[in-house]
Amino acid sequence: AITLTVVAGVPVRLHLIQQPSTEVVDSDVLRTQPVVQLQDAAGNAVPNPTVVSLTVLAHVEPEGDDSISFFNIDEGAFLYTDVLIIAKYGLAYNIRFTLAPVPGWTVADALSDTIRAKTCGQTEYFIINDTACQPCPEGAMCNSSSVLVTAEHHWRSSTNTPTFLRCIRDTRCLAGYEVGTCRERFRGPLCKLCDPKHIGAGCQPCSNPLFSVLQLSG
């Protein structure tokens, strides 16, 4: 029998053998912590490099204030335990792992998969740059995103407000729009006005024979 022994070469890169969680839950530590390995050019682990001390810094992009360096070393792998991201909605994060300089080594960084704030519930929405989900406003419909649309019989003045108003005449206001949208023949705030060339409580066309009779009799 022939036994082959693979001898690790010079370290050239860091490699994530366990990706961190892709969602941040309640700005807590990541439920799945990253594990980083030092590898040679052939992809072999370098478990016992001939140096006294190694440090791999983890930096959150784009907004990390400080590098994270809390880990345990096991057979050449760096096992992190306390990586935490305060994730803002609307932003995508990555963790960059960098080996502190070692004389004679040139080691490439490792970059995690994209990490985002947790997905909001179906009856919630988020505001860009906030760190928590918000309950769906009364009169709105939500779908876990930052988009709010009108519920049945409601109206909204602009996308800059979370306030949705109940229409006085229910049948005039349409559901499913980011801003107040009226049925045909109606317009204006709360759809209280008639389109041009329409008249009356029901905003009927002025050419309607009924209105012609009323105009003649008047």
N, C-alpha and C. Protein backbone atom coordinates (compact mmCIF):
# COMPACT_ATOMS: atom_id res chain seq x y z
N ALA A 1 0.85 -1.18 0.00
CA ALA A 1 0.00 0.00 0.00
C ALA A 1 0.89 1.24 0.00
N ILE A 2 0.39 2.24 -0.71
CA ILE A 2 1.13 3.50 -0.79
C ILE A 2 0.35 4.56 -0.02
N THR A 3 0.99 5.23 0.87
CA THR A 3 0.36 6.29 1.65
C THR A 3 0.91 7.63 1.19
N LEU A 4 0.00 8.51 0.83
CA LEU A 4 0.40 9.85 0.40
C LEU A 4 0.09 10.84 1.51
N THR A 5 1.01 11.66 1.81
CA THR A 5 0.82 12.69 2.82
C THR A 5 0.87 14.05 2.14
N VAL A 6 -0.21 14.82 2.31
CA VAL A 6 -0.27 16.16 1.72
C VAL A 6 0.32 17.15 2.71
N VAL A 7 1.34 17.81 2.30
CA VAL A 7 1.98 18.81 3.15
C VAL A 7 1.51 20.19 2.70
N ALA A 8 0.93 20.92 3.62
CA ALA A 8 0.42 22.25 3.28
C ALA A 8 1.57 23.17 2.89
N GLY A 9 1.29 24.03 1.92
CA GLY A 9 2.29 24.98 1.47
C GLY A 9 2.19 26.31 2.20
N VAL A 10 2.67 27.32 1.54
CA VAL A 10 2.64 28.67 2.11
C VAL A 10 1.21 29.21 2.05
N PRO A 11 0.69 29.78 3.12
CA PRO A 11 -0.66 30.34 3.09
C PRO A 11 -0.78 31.47 2.07
N VAL A 12 -1.85 31.42 1.27
CA VAL A 12 -2.06 32.47 0.27
C VAL A 12 -3.45 33.11 0.37
N ARG A 13 -4.35 32.50 1.11
CA ARG A 13 -5.70 33.07 1.18
C ARG A 13 -6.42 32.62 2.44
N LEU A 14 -7.42 33.42 2.79
CA LEU A 14 -8.40 33.02 3.80
C LEU A 14 -9.63 32.49 3.08
N HIS A 15 -10.26 31.48 3.64
CA HIS A 15 -11.44 30.89 3.00
C HIS A 15 -12.50 30.63 4.06
N LEU A 16 -13.74 31.01 3.76
CA LEU A 16 -14.85 30.77 4.69
C LEU A 16 -15.34 29.34 4.52
N ILE A 17 -15.10 28.51 5.52
CA ILE A 17 -15.61 27.14 5.46
C ILE A 17 -17.00 27.06 6.10
N GLN A 18 -17.40 28.11 6.79
CA GLN A 18 -18.79 28.25 7.26
C GLN A 18 -19.21 29.70 7.12
N GLN A 19 -20.20 29.93 6.26
CA GLN A 19 -20.70 31.29 6.06
C GLN A 19 -21.53 31.73 7.27
N PRO A 20 -21.51 33.02 7.60
CA PRO A 20 -22.37 33.51 8.68
C PRO A 20 -23.82 33.56 8.23
N SER A 21 -24.72 33.76 9.18
CA SER A 21 -26.14 33.92 8.86
C SER A 21 -26.32 35.02 7.83
N THR A 22 -27.30 34.84 6.95
CA THR A 22 -27.58 35.86 5.94
C THR A 22 -28.62 36.86 6.40
N GLU A 23 -29.22 36.63 7.59
CA GLU A 23 -30.19 37.58 8.15
C GLU A 23 -29.79 37.93 9.57
N VAL A 24 -29.96 39.21 9.91
CA VAL A 24 -29.72 39.68 11.27
C VAL A 24 -31.06 39.74 11.98
N VAL A 25 -31.18 39.04 13.10
CA VAL A 25 -32.44 38.99 13.85
C VAL A 25 -32.32 39.88 15.08
N ASP A 26 -33.12 40.94 15.11
CA ASP A 26 -33.19 41.83 16.28
C ASP A 26 -31.83 42.37 16.70
N SER A 27 -30.97 42.64 15.73
CA SER A 27 -29.64 43.22 15.99
C SER A 27 -28.85 42.41 17.02
N ASP A 28 -29.08 41.11 17.06
CA ASP A 28 -28.38 40.22 18.00
C ASP A 28 -27.16 39.62 17.29
N VAL A 29 -26.35 38.87 18.04
CA VAL A 29 -25.22 38.20 17.41
C VAL A 29 -25.76 37.25 16.33
N LEU A 30 -24.99 37.05 15.29
CA LEU A 30 -25.43 36.18 14.20
C LEU A 30 -25.64 34.76 14.72
N ARG A 31 -26.77 34.17 14.34
CA ARG A 31 -27.09 32.83 14.84
C ARG A 31 -26.11 31.78 14.33
N THR A 32 -25.64 31.96 13.10
CA THR A 32 -24.57 31.11 12.58
C THR A 32 -23.32 31.96 12.47
N GLN A 33 -22.32 31.62 13.24
CA GLN A 33 -21.08 32.39 13.27
C GLN A 33 -20.12 31.89 12.18
N PRO A 34 -19.31 32.80 11.64
CA PRO A 34 -18.39 32.40 10.57
C PRO A 34 -17.21 31.57 11.08
N VAL A 35 -16.72 30.71 10.19
CA VAL A 35 -15.49 29.96 10.45
C VAL A 35 -14.58 30.18 9.25
N VAL A 36 -13.38 30.67 9.52
CA VAL A 36 -12.43 31.03 8.46
C VAL A 36 -11.21 30.12 8.55
N GLN A 37 -10.74 29.70 7.38
CA GLN A 37 -9.59 28.80 7.33
C GLN A 37 -8.46 29.42 6.52
N LEU A 38 -7.24 29.17 6.95
CA LEU A 38 -6.05 29.60 6.22
C LEU A 38 -5.70 28.49 5.22
N GLN A 39 -5.56 28.84 3.93
CA GLN A 39 -5.32 27.83 2.91
C GLN A 39 -4.10 28.19 2.05
N ASP A 40 -3.53 27.13 1.44
CA ASP A 40 -2.44 27.36 0.49
C ASP A 40 -3.00 27.48 -0.92
N ALA A 41 -2.12 27.56 -1.92
CA ALA A 41 -2.56 27.79 -3.29
C ALA A 41 -3.38 26.63 -3.85
N ALA A 42 -3.22 25.43 -3.30
CA ALA A 42 -3.96 24.26 -3.77
C ALA A 42 -5.28 24.08 -3.03
N GLY A 43 -5.58 24.97 -2.11
CA GLY A 43 -6.82 24.86 -1.35
C GLY A 43 -6.71 23.97 -0.13
N ASN A 44 -5.49 23.60 0.25
CA ASN A 44 -5.28 22.79 1.45
C ASN A 44 -5.26 23.69 2.68
N ALA A 45 -5.82 23.18 3.77
CA ALA A 45 -5.77 23.92 5.03
C ALA A 45 -4.33 23.97 5.53
N VAL A 46 -3.99 25.08 6.14
CA VAL A 46 -2.66 25.23 6.77
C VAL A 46 -2.90 25.22 8.27
N PRO A 47 -2.91 24.03 8.88
CA PRO A 47 -3.33 23.93 10.28
C PRO A 47 -2.31 24.42 11.30
N ASN A 48 -1.03 24.29 10.98
CA ASN A 48 0.00 24.65 11.95
C ASN A 48 1.07 25.52 11.31
N PRO A 49 0.72 26.74 10.97
CA PRO A 49 1.72 27.62 10.35
C PRO A 49 2.86 27.90 11.31
N THR A 50 4.03 28.10 10.73
CA THR A 50 5.23 28.27 11.56
C THR A 50 5.39 29.71 12.02
N VAL A 51 4.36 30.21 12.68
CA VAL A 51 4.44 31.53 13.30
C VAL A 51 3.86 31.42 14.70
N VAL A 52 4.25 32.33 15.54
CA VAL A 52 3.82 32.26 16.94
C VAL A 52 2.36 32.65 17.09
N SER A 53 1.94 33.68 16.40
CA SER A 53 0.59 34.21 16.62
C SER A 53 -0.02 34.70 15.31
N LEU A 54 -1.31 34.39 15.12
CA LEU A 54 -2.05 34.86 13.95
C LEU A 54 -3.32 35.55 14.42
N THR A 55 -3.66 36.61 13.74
CA THR A 55 -4.91 37.32 14.02
C THR A 55 -5.64 37.59 12.72
N VAL A 56 -6.91 37.20 12.67
CA VAL A 56 -7.75 37.50 11.52
C VAL A 56 -8.82 38.50 11.96
N LEU A 57 -8.79 39.66 11.35
CA LEU A 57 -9.75 40.71 11.69
C LEU A 57 -10.98 40.59 10.80
N ALA A 58 -12.14 40.81 11.40
CA ALA A 58 -13.41 40.79 10.66
C ALA A 58 -14.00 42.18 10.68
N HIS A 59 -14.24 42.73 9.50
CA HIS A 59 -14.73 44.11 9.39
C HIS A 59 -16.02 44.11 8.59
N VAL A 60 -17.07 44.71 9.17
CA VAL A 60 -18.37 44.76 8.51
C VAL A 60 -18.38 45.89 7.49
N GLU A 61 -18.76 45.58 6.26
CA GLU A 61 -18.89 46.59 5.20
C GLU A 61 -20.37 46.72 4.84
N PRO A 62 -20.89 47.95 4.59
CA PRO A 62 -20.12 49.18 4.41
C PRO A 62 -19.96 50.02 5.66
N GLU A 63 -20.54 49.62 6.80
CA GLU A 63 -20.62 50.58 7.90
C GLU A 63 -19.94 50.14 9.18
N GLY A 64 -19.05 49.18 9.11
CA GLY A 64 -18.42 48.72 10.33
C GLY A 64 -17.56 49.80 10.97
N ASP A 65 -17.74 50.02 12.27
CA ASP A 65 -16.94 51.02 12.97
C ASP A 65 -15.62 50.42 13.48
N ASP A 66 -15.70 49.17 13.90
CA ASP A 66 -14.52 48.53 14.48
C ASP A 66 -14.34 47.14 13.87
N SER A 67 -13.11 46.67 13.87
CA SER A 67 -12.85 45.31 13.44
C SER A 67 -13.16 44.35 14.58
N ILE A 68 -13.61 43.16 14.21
CA ILE A 68 -13.98 42.15 15.19
C ILE A 68 -12.89 41.09 15.18
N SER A 69 -12.38 40.71 16.33
CA SER A 69 -11.30 39.73 16.35
C SER A 69 -11.46 38.73 17.50
N PHE A 70 -12.71 38.39 17.83
CA PHE A 70 -12.96 37.43 18.90
C PHE A 70 -13.18 36.05 18.27
N PHE A 71 -12.25 35.14 18.47
CA PHE A 71 -12.37 33.82 17.85
C PHE A 71 -11.53 32.81 18.63
N ASN A 72 -11.81 31.55 18.34
CA ASN A 72 -10.98 30.46 18.85
C ASN A 72 -10.26 29.84 17.65
N ILE A 73 -9.06 29.34 17.87
CA ILE A 73 -8.31 28.70 16.79
C ILE A 73 -8.34 27.19 17.00
N ASP A 74 -8.75 26.46 15.95
CA ASP A 74 -8.82 25.01 16.03
C ASP A 74 -8.32 24.43 14.71
N GLU A 75 -7.16 23.79 14.73
CA GLU A 75 -6.59 23.17 13.53
C GLU A 75 -6.54 24.15 12.35
N GLY A 76 -6.07 25.34 12.63
CA GLY A 76 -5.90 26.31 11.56
C GLY A 76 -7.15 27.05 11.16
N ALA A 77 -8.27 26.77 11.83
CA ALA A 77 -9.52 27.48 11.52
C ALA A 77 -9.80 28.51 12.61
N PHE A 78 -10.35 29.63 12.19
CA PHE A 78 -10.69 30.71 13.11
C PHE A 78 -12.20 30.66 13.33
N LEU A 79 -12.61 30.27 14.54
CA LEU A 79 -14.02 30.10 14.87
C LEU A 79 -14.50 31.33 15.63
N TYR A 80 -15.33 32.13 15.00
CA TYR A 80 -15.83 33.35 15.63
C TYR A 80 -17.02 33.03 16.53
N THR A 81 -17.19 33.84 17.57
CA THR A 81 -18.25 33.57 18.55
C THR A 81 -19.18 34.74 18.79
N ASP A 82 -18.77 35.96 18.48
CA ASP A 82 -19.56 37.12 18.89
C ASP A 82 -19.75 38.14 17.77
N VAL A 83 -19.81 37.71 16.52
CA VAL A 83 -19.99 38.66 15.43
C VAL A 83 -21.42 39.20 15.48
N LEU A 84 -21.54 40.50 15.55
CA LEU A 84 -22.83 41.18 15.67
C LEU A 84 -22.91 42.30 14.64
N ILE A 85 -24.05 42.41 14.00
CA ILE A 85 -24.29 43.50 13.05
C ILE A 85 -25.60 44.19 13.42
N ILE A 86 -25.56 45.50 13.57
CA ILE A 86 -26.81 46.26 13.74
C ILE A 86 -27.23 46.67 12.33
N ALA A 87 -28.09 45.85 11.74
CA ALA A 87 -28.41 45.99 10.32
C ALA A 87 -29.53 47.00 10.10
N LYS A 88 -29.31 47.87 9.14
CA LYS A 88 -30.33 48.83 8.73
C LYS A 88 -31.06 48.31 7.50
N TYR A 89 -32.37 48.51 7.48
CA TYR A 89 -33.16 48.05 6.33
C TYR A 89 -32.80 48.86 5.09
N GLY A 90 -32.74 48.15 3.99
CA GLY A 90 -32.38 48.77 2.72
C GLY A 90 -30.91 48.69 2.40
N LEU A 91 -30.10 48.20 3.34
CA LEU A 91 -28.66 48.06 3.11
C LEU A 91 -28.26 46.59 3.06
N ALA A 92 -27.23 46.31 2.30
CA ALA A 92 -26.66 44.96 2.23
C ALA A 92 -25.27 45.00 2.85
N TYR A 93 -24.96 44.01 3.67
CA TYR A 93 -23.68 43.98 4.38
C TYR A 93 -22.86 42.76 3.98
N ASN A 94 -21.56 42.90 4.11
CA ASN A 94 -20.63 41.78 3.99
C ASN A 94 -19.63 41.89 5.13
N ILE A 95 -19.04 40.77 5.49
CA ILE A 95 -17.95 40.78 6.47
C ILE A 95 -16.66 40.44 5.73
N ARG A 96 -15.68 41.32 5.84
CA ARG A 96 -14.38 41.08 5.22
C ARG A 96 -13.40 40.57 6.28
N PHE A 97 -12.78 39.45 6.00
CA PHE A 97 -11.82 38.83 6.92
C PHE A 97 -10.41 39.07 6.38
N THR A 98 -9.57 39.66 7.22
CA THR A 98 -8.22 40.06 6.82
C THR A 98 -7.20 39.54 7.82
N LEU A 99 -6.17 38.89 7.32
CA LEU A 99 -5.11 38.42 8.21
C LEU A 99 -4.19 39.58 8.56
N ALA A 100 -3.92 39.75 9.84
CA ALA A 100 -2.96 40.77 10.26
C ALA A 100 -1.60 40.45 9.62
N PRO A 101 -0.84 41.48 9.24
CA PRO A 101 0.41 41.27 8.49
C PRO A 101 1.36 40.27 9.14
N VAL A 102 1.86 39.36 8.29
CA VAL A 102 2.88 38.39 8.70
C VAL A 102 4.05 38.51 7.73
N PRO A 103 5.26 38.75 8.19
CA PRO A 103 6.42 38.91 7.29
C PRO A 103 6.57 37.73 6.32
N GLY A 104 6.69 38.05 5.04
CA GLY A 104 6.89 37.02 4.03
C GLY A 104 5.63 36.41 3.47
N TRP A 105 4.46 36.76 4.01
CA TRP A 105 3.19 36.20 3.54
C TRP A 105 2.39 37.27 2.80
N THR A 106 1.72 36.84 1.76
CA THR A 106 0.71 37.68 1.10
C THR A 106 -0.57 36.85 1.05
N VAL A 107 -1.50 37.18 1.90
CA VAL A 107 -2.72 36.36 2.07
C VAL A 107 -3.94 37.16 1.65
N ALA A 108 -4.72 36.62 0.72
CA ALA A 108 -5.92 37.30 0.22
C ALA A 108 -7.03 37.26 1.27
N ASP A 109 -7.83 38.33 1.29
CA ASP A 109 -8.97 38.41 2.20
C ASP A 109 -10.04 37.40 1.81
N ALA A 110 -10.95 37.15 2.74
CA ALA A 110 -12.18 36.39 2.46
C ALA A 110 -13.36 37.33 2.68
N LEU A 111 -14.39 37.19 1.84
CA LEU A 111 -15.57 38.05 1.94
C LEU A 111 -16.80 37.17 2.09
N SER A 112 -17.62 37.49 3.07
CA SER A 112 -18.82 36.68 3.32
C SER A 112 -19.89 36.92 2.27
N ASP A 113 -20.89 36.05 2.26
CA ASP A 113 -22.08 36.29 1.46
C ASP A 113 -22.81 37.51 2.00
N THR A 114 -23.78 38.00 1.25
CA THR A 114 -24.53 39.19 1.64
C THR A 114 -25.38 38.91 2.88
N ILE A 115 -25.40 39.88 3.78
CA ILE A 115 -26.17 39.80 5.02
C ILE A 115 -27.12 40.98 5.07
N ARG A 116 -28.37 40.73 5.44
CA ARG A 116 -29.37 41.79 5.51
C ARG A 116 -30.15 41.69 6.82
N ALA A 117 -30.89 42.76 7.13
CA ALA A 117 -31.81 42.71 8.26
C ALA A 117 -32.88 41.66 7.98
N LYS A 118 -33.42 41.07 9.03
CA LYS A 118 -34.40 39.99 8.87
C LYS A 118 -35.61 40.48 8.06
N THR A 119 -36.24 39.55 7.38
CA THR A 119 -37.44 39.87 6.60
C THR A 119 -38.59 40.21 7.55
N CYS A 120 -39.28 41.30 7.27
CA CYS A 120 -40.43 41.69 8.10
C CYS A 120 -41.59 40.73 7.86
N GLY A 121 -42.54 40.71 8.80
CA GLY A 121 -43.73 39.89 8.66
C GLY A 121 -44.67 40.43 7.60
N GLN A 122 -45.64 39.61 7.20
CA GLN A 122 -46.58 40.01 6.15
C GLN A 122 -47.42 41.22 6.54
N THR A 123 -47.61 41.44 7.83
CA THR A 123 -48.40 42.60 8.28
C THR A 123 -47.48 43.71 8.80
N GLU A 124 -46.24 43.73 8.32
CA GLU A 124 -45.28 44.76 8.72
C GLU A 124 -44.64 45.39 7.49
N TYR A 125 -43.95 46.50 7.72
CA TYR A 125 -43.16 47.13 6.66
C TYR A 125 -41.92 47.72 7.31
N PHE A 126 -40.96 48.15 6.49
CA PHE A 126 -39.78 48.78 7.06
C PHE A 126 -39.54 50.13 6.41
N ILE A 127 -38.85 50.98 7.15
CA ILE A 127 -38.43 52.29 6.67
C ILE A 127 -36.93 52.21 6.40
N ILE A 128 -36.51 52.68 5.23
CA ILE A 128 -35.10 52.61 4.86
C ILE A 128 -34.23 53.25 5.95
N ASN A 129 -33.18 52.55 6.34
CA ASN A 129 -32.20 52.96 7.36
C ASN A 129 -32.67 52.75 8.79
N ASP A 130 -33.92 52.30 9.00
CA ASP A 130 -34.34 51.90 10.34
C ASP A 130 -33.79 50.51 10.65
N THR A 131 -33.81 50.14 11.92
CA THR A 131 -33.28 48.83 12.31
C THR A 131 -34.37 47.89 12.82
N ALA A 132 -35.64 48.29 12.73
CA ALA A 132 -36.74 47.44 13.19
C ALA A 132 -37.92 47.54 12.24
N CYS A 133 -38.71 46.48 12.17
CA CYS A 133 -39.92 46.49 11.36
C CYS A 133 -41.00 47.31 12.06
N GLN A 134 -41.93 47.84 11.27
CA GLN A 134 -43.02 48.65 11.79
C GLN A 134 -44.35 47.95 11.51
N PRO A 135 -45.35 48.10 12.41
CA PRO A 135 -46.67 47.52 12.13
C PRO A 135 -47.34 48.25 10.97
N CYS A 136 -48.12 47.53 10.21
CA CYS A 136 -48.79 48.13 9.05
C CYS A 136 -49.78 49.20 9.53
N PRO A 137 -49.73 50.41 8.97
CA PRO A 137 -50.65 51.47 9.39
C PRO A 137 -52.11 51.12 9.06
N GLU A 138 -53.01 51.65 9.83
CA GLU A 138 -54.43 51.47 9.55
C GLU A 138 -54.76 52.09 8.19
N GLY A 139 -55.50 51.36 7.39
CA GLY A 139 -55.87 51.85 6.07
C GLY A 139 -54.88 51.50 4.98
N ALA A 140 -53.79 50.80 5.36
CA ALA A 140 -52.76 50.41 4.38
C ALA A 140 -52.70 48.90 4.25
N MET A 141 -52.08 48.44 3.18
CA MET A 141 -51.75 47.03 3.01
C MET A 141 -50.24 46.91 2.93
N CYS A 142 -49.68 45.91 3.62
CA CYS A 142 -48.23 45.71 3.67
C CYS A 142 -47.88 44.33 3.11
N ASN A 143 -46.62 44.19 2.68
CA ASN A 143 -46.16 42.90 2.15
C ASN A 143 -44.72 42.61 2.53
N SER A 144 -44.31 43.06 3.72
CA SER A 144 -42.97 42.83 4.27
C SER A 144 -41.91 43.78 3.71
N SER A 145 -42.26 44.60 2.74
CA SER A 145 -41.29 45.50 2.11
C SER A 145 -41.44 46.91 2.67
N SER A 146 -40.81 47.87 2.01
CA SER A 146 -40.93 49.27 2.42
C SER A 146 -42.11 49.96 1.73
N VAL A 147 -42.80 49.22 0.88
CA VAL A 147 -43.89 49.79 0.08
C VAL A 147 -45.21 49.64 0.82
N LEU A 148 -45.93 50.74 0.95
CA LEU A 148 -47.29 50.74 1.51
C LEU A 148 -48.26 51.08 0.40
N VAL A 149 -49.38 50.36 0.35
CA VAL A 149 -50.41 50.67 -0.64
C VAL A 149 -51.75 50.80 0.06
N THR A 150 -52.67 51.47 -0.62
CA THR A 150 -53.98 51.74 -0.03
C THR A 150 -54.79 50.46 0.12
N ALA A 151 -55.46 50.35 1.27
CA ALA A 151 -56.46 49.30 1.46
C ALA A 151 -57.76 49.76 0.79
N GLU A 152 -58.73 48.87 0.73
CA GLU A 152 -60.01 49.19 0.12
C GLU A 152 -60.62 50.43 0.78
N HIS A 153 -61.08 51.38 -0.05
CA HIS A 153 -61.79 52.58 0.40
C HIS A 153 -60.89 53.56 1.16
N HIS A 154 -59.58 53.55 0.88
CA HIS A 154 -58.68 54.47 1.56
C HIS A 154 -57.86 55.27 0.55
N TRP A 155 -57.31 56.38 1.04
CA TRP A 155 -56.62 57.35 0.19
C TRP A 155 -55.38 57.84 0.93
N ARG A 156 -54.32 58.15 0.18
CA ARG A 156 -53.05 58.62 0.76
C ARG A 156 -52.53 59.77 -0.08
N SER A 157 -52.09 60.82 0.58
CA SER A 157 -51.70 62.03 -0.15
C SER A 157 -50.37 61.88 -0.88
N SER A 158 -49.40 61.13 -0.30
CA SER A 158 -48.10 60.94 -0.95
C SER A 158 -47.38 59.76 -0.31
N THR A 159 -46.30 59.33 -0.94
CA THR A 159 -45.53 58.22 -0.38
C THR A 159 -44.68 58.64 0.81
N ASN A 160 -44.67 59.92 1.13
CA ASN A 160 -43.87 60.42 2.25
C ASN A 160 -44.62 60.37 3.57
N THR A 161 -45.86 59.93 3.56
CA THR A 161 -46.64 59.87 4.80
C THR A 161 -47.15 58.45 5.04
N PRO A 162 -47.16 58.02 6.32
CA PRO A 162 -47.74 56.71 6.65
C PRO A 162 -49.22 56.81 7.00
N THR A 163 -49.83 57.98 6.76
CA THR A 163 -51.23 58.20 7.12
C THR A 163 -52.14 57.89 5.93
N PHE A 164 -53.11 57.04 6.16
CA PHE A 164 -54.10 56.67 5.14
C PHE A 164 -55.47 57.07 5.66
N LEU A 165 -56.22 57.79 4.84
CA LEU A 165 -57.51 58.33 5.24
C LEU A 165 -58.65 57.52 4.63
N ARG A 166 -59.71 57.37 5.39
CA ARG A 166 -60.90 56.69 4.90
C ARG A 166 -61.67 57.64 3.99
N CYS A 167 -62.03 57.16 2.82
CA CYS A 167 -62.80 57.99 1.89
C CYS A 167 -64.24 58.12 2.36
N ILE A 168 -64.77 59.33 2.26
CA ILE A 168 -66.15 59.58 2.69
C ILE A 168 -67.12 58.75 1.86
N ARG A 169 -66.88 58.72 0.58
CA ARG A 169 -67.70 57.90 -0.31
C ARG A 169 -66.85 56.69 -0.72
N ASP A 170 -67.13 55.57 -0.09
CA ASP A 170 -66.26 54.40 -0.19
C ASP A 170 -65.95 53.95 -1.61
N THR A 171 -66.93 53.99 -2.47
CA THR A 171 -66.74 53.38 -3.79
C THR A 171 -65.80 54.18 -4.69
N ARG A 172 -65.42 55.37 -4.29
CA ARG A 172 -64.60 56.21 -5.18
C ARG A 172 -63.11 55.90 -5.11
N CYS A 173 -62.62 55.40 -4.00
CA CYS A 173 -61.17 55.23 -3.78
C CYS A 173 -60.75 53.79 -4.05
N LEU A 174 -59.69 53.64 -4.82
CA LEU A 174 -59.22 52.32 -5.23
C LEU A 174 -58.15 51.78 -4.29
N ALA A 175 -58.12 50.47 -4.13
CA ALA A 175 -57.11 49.81 -3.30
C ALA A 175 -55.90 49.42 -4.16
N GLY A 176 -54.75 49.27 -3.47
CA GLY A 176 -53.57 48.73 -4.13
C GLY A 176 -52.66 49.76 -4.77
N TYR A 177 -52.77 51.01 -4.39
CA TYR A 177 -51.93 52.07 -4.98
C TYR A 177 -51.11 52.75 -3.88
N GLU A 178 -49.89 53.18 -4.24
CA GLU A 178 -49.03 53.84 -3.26
C GLU A 178 -49.56 55.20 -2.85
N VAL A 179 -50.23 55.88 -3.75
CA VAL A 179 -50.88 57.16 -3.42
C VAL A 179 -52.36 57.05 -3.78
N GLY A 180 -53.16 57.94 -3.19
CA GLY A 180 -54.59 57.90 -3.42
C GLY A 180 -54.95 57.92 -4.90
N THR A 181 -55.73 56.94 -5.32
CA THR A 181 -56.13 56.82 -6.72
C THR A 181 -57.63 56.63 -6.78
N CYS A 182 -58.26 57.36 -7.69
CA CYS A 182 -59.72 57.39 -7.76
C CYS A 182 -60.24 56.55 -8.92
N ARG A 183 -61.47 56.12 -8.76
CA ARG A 183 -62.16 55.46 -9.87
C ARG A 183 -62.40 56.48 -10.98
N GLU A 184 -62.68 55.97 -12.14
CA GLU A 184 -62.98 56.82 -13.29
C GLU A 184 -64.11 57.80 -12.93
N ARG A 185 -63.96 59.00 -13.35
CA ARG A 185 -64.90 60.12 -13.17
C ARG A 185 -64.60 60.96 -11.92
N PHE A 186 -63.74 60.42 -11.00
CA PHE A 186 -63.47 61.13 -9.75
C PHE A 186 -62.01 61.57 -9.67
N ARG A 187 -61.75 62.57 -8.83
CA ARG A 187 -60.38 63.08 -8.68
C ARG A 187 -60.27 63.85 -7.37
N GLY A 188 -59.03 64.31 -7.08
CA GLY A 188 -58.81 65.20 -5.94
C GLY A 188 -58.66 64.47 -4.61
N PRO A 189 -58.42 65.24 -3.53
CA PRO A 189 -58.28 64.66 -2.20
C PRO A 189 -59.51 63.84 -1.82
N LEU A 190 -59.27 62.62 -1.37
CA LEU A 190 -60.34 61.69 -0.98
C LEU A 190 -61.33 61.45 -2.10
N CYS A 191 -60.92 61.78 -3.33
CA CYS A 191 -61.75 61.55 -4.53
C CYS A 191 -63.11 62.23 -4.42
N LYS A 192 -63.12 63.41 -3.81
CA LYS A 192 -64.39 64.12 -3.59
C LYS A 192 -64.81 64.95 -4.79
N LEU A 193 -63.90 65.18 -5.73
CA LEU A 193 -64.21 66.04 -6.87
C LEU A 193 -64.51 65.22 -8.11
N CYS A 194 -65.19 65.87 -9.06
CA CYS A 194 -65.50 65.23 -10.34
C CYS A 194 -64.43 65.57 -11.38
N ASP A 195 -64.22 64.65 -12.30
CA ASP A 195 -63.37 64.95 -13.45
C ASP A 195 -64.03 66.05 -14.28
N PRO A 196 -63.25 66.76 -15.10
CA PRO A 196 -63.86 67.75 -15.99
C PRO A 196 -64.96 67.13 -16.84
N LYS A 197 -66.00 67.92 -17.08
CA LYS A 197 -67.16 67.50 -17.88
C LYS A 197 -67.99 66.41 -17.21
N HIS A 198 -67.87 66.36 -15.87
CA HIS A 198 -68.71 65.46 -15.08
C HIS A 198 -69.36 66.29 -13.98
N ILE A 199 -70.52 65.83 -13.52
CA ILE A 199 -71.28 66.65 -12.59
C ILE A 199 -72.15 65.77 -11.69
N GLY A 200 -72.53 66.32 -10.55
CA GLY A 200 -73.47 65.65 -9.66
C GLY A 200 -72.78 64.76 -8.63
N ALA A 201 -73.60 64.18 -7.73
CA ALA A 201 -73.07 63.35 -6.65
C ALA A 201 -72.33 62.14 -7.18
N GLY A 202 -72.77 61.62 -8.32
CA GLY A 202 -72.12 60.46 -8.91
C GLY A 202 -71.13 60.80 -9.99
N CYS A 203 -70.89 62.11 -10.21
CA CYS A 203 -69.95 62.58 -11.24
C CYS A 203 -70.27 61.95 -12.61
N GLN A 204 -71.53 62.08 -13.02
CA GLN A 204 -71.95 61.57 -14.31
C GLN A 204 -71.50 62.51 -15.43
N PRO A 205 -71.26 61.97 -16.64
CA PRO A 205 -70.89 62.85 -17.75
C PRO A 205 -71.96 63.91 -18.00
N CYS A 206 -71.53 65.10 -18.33
CA CYS A 206 -72.49 66.19 -18.56
C CYS A 206 -73.42 65.90 -19.74
N SER A 207 -73.01 65.02 -20.64
CA SER A 207 -73.85 64.69 -21.80
C SER A 207 -74.95 63.70 -21.47
N ASN A 208 -75.01 63.23 -20.22
CA ASN A 208 -76.06 62.30 -19.81
C ASN A 208 -77.43 62.94 -20.04
N PRO A 209 -78.35 62.26 -20.74
CA PRO A 209 -79.67 62.84 -21.03
C PRO A 209 -80.40 63.33 -19.78
N LEU A 210 -80.21 62.66 -18.65
CA LEU A 210 -80.89 63.08 -17.44
C LEU A 210 -80.49 64.50 -17.07
N PHE A 211 -79.19 64.82 -17.19
CA PHE A 211 -78.75 66.16 -16.85
C PHE A 211 -79.20 67.18 -17.89
N SER A 212 -79.30 66.73 -19.15
CA SER A 212 -79.81 67.63 -20.19
C SER A 212 -81.23 68.03 -19.89
N VAL A 213 -82.04 67.05 -19.45
CA VAL A 213 -83.44 67.36 -19.09
C VAL A 213 -83.48 68.31 -17.92
N LEU A 214 -82.63 68.05 -16.91
CA LEU A 214 -82.62 68.92 -15.74
C LEU A 214 -82.22 70.34 -16.11
N GLN A 215 -81.23 70.45 -17.02
CA GLN A 215 -80.79 71.78 -17.43
C GLN A 215 -81.88 72.50 -18.20
N LEU A 216 -82.61 71.77 -19.08
CA LEU A 216 -83.68 72.40 -19.85
C LEU A 216 -84.83 72.82 -18.95
N SER A 217 -85.17 71.94 -17.99
CA SER A 217 -86.30 72.26 -17.11
C SER A 217 -85.96 73.39 -16.17
N GLY A 218 -84.66 73.56 -15.89
CA GLY A 218 -84.26 74.65 -15.00
C GLY A 218 -84.33 75.96 -15.69
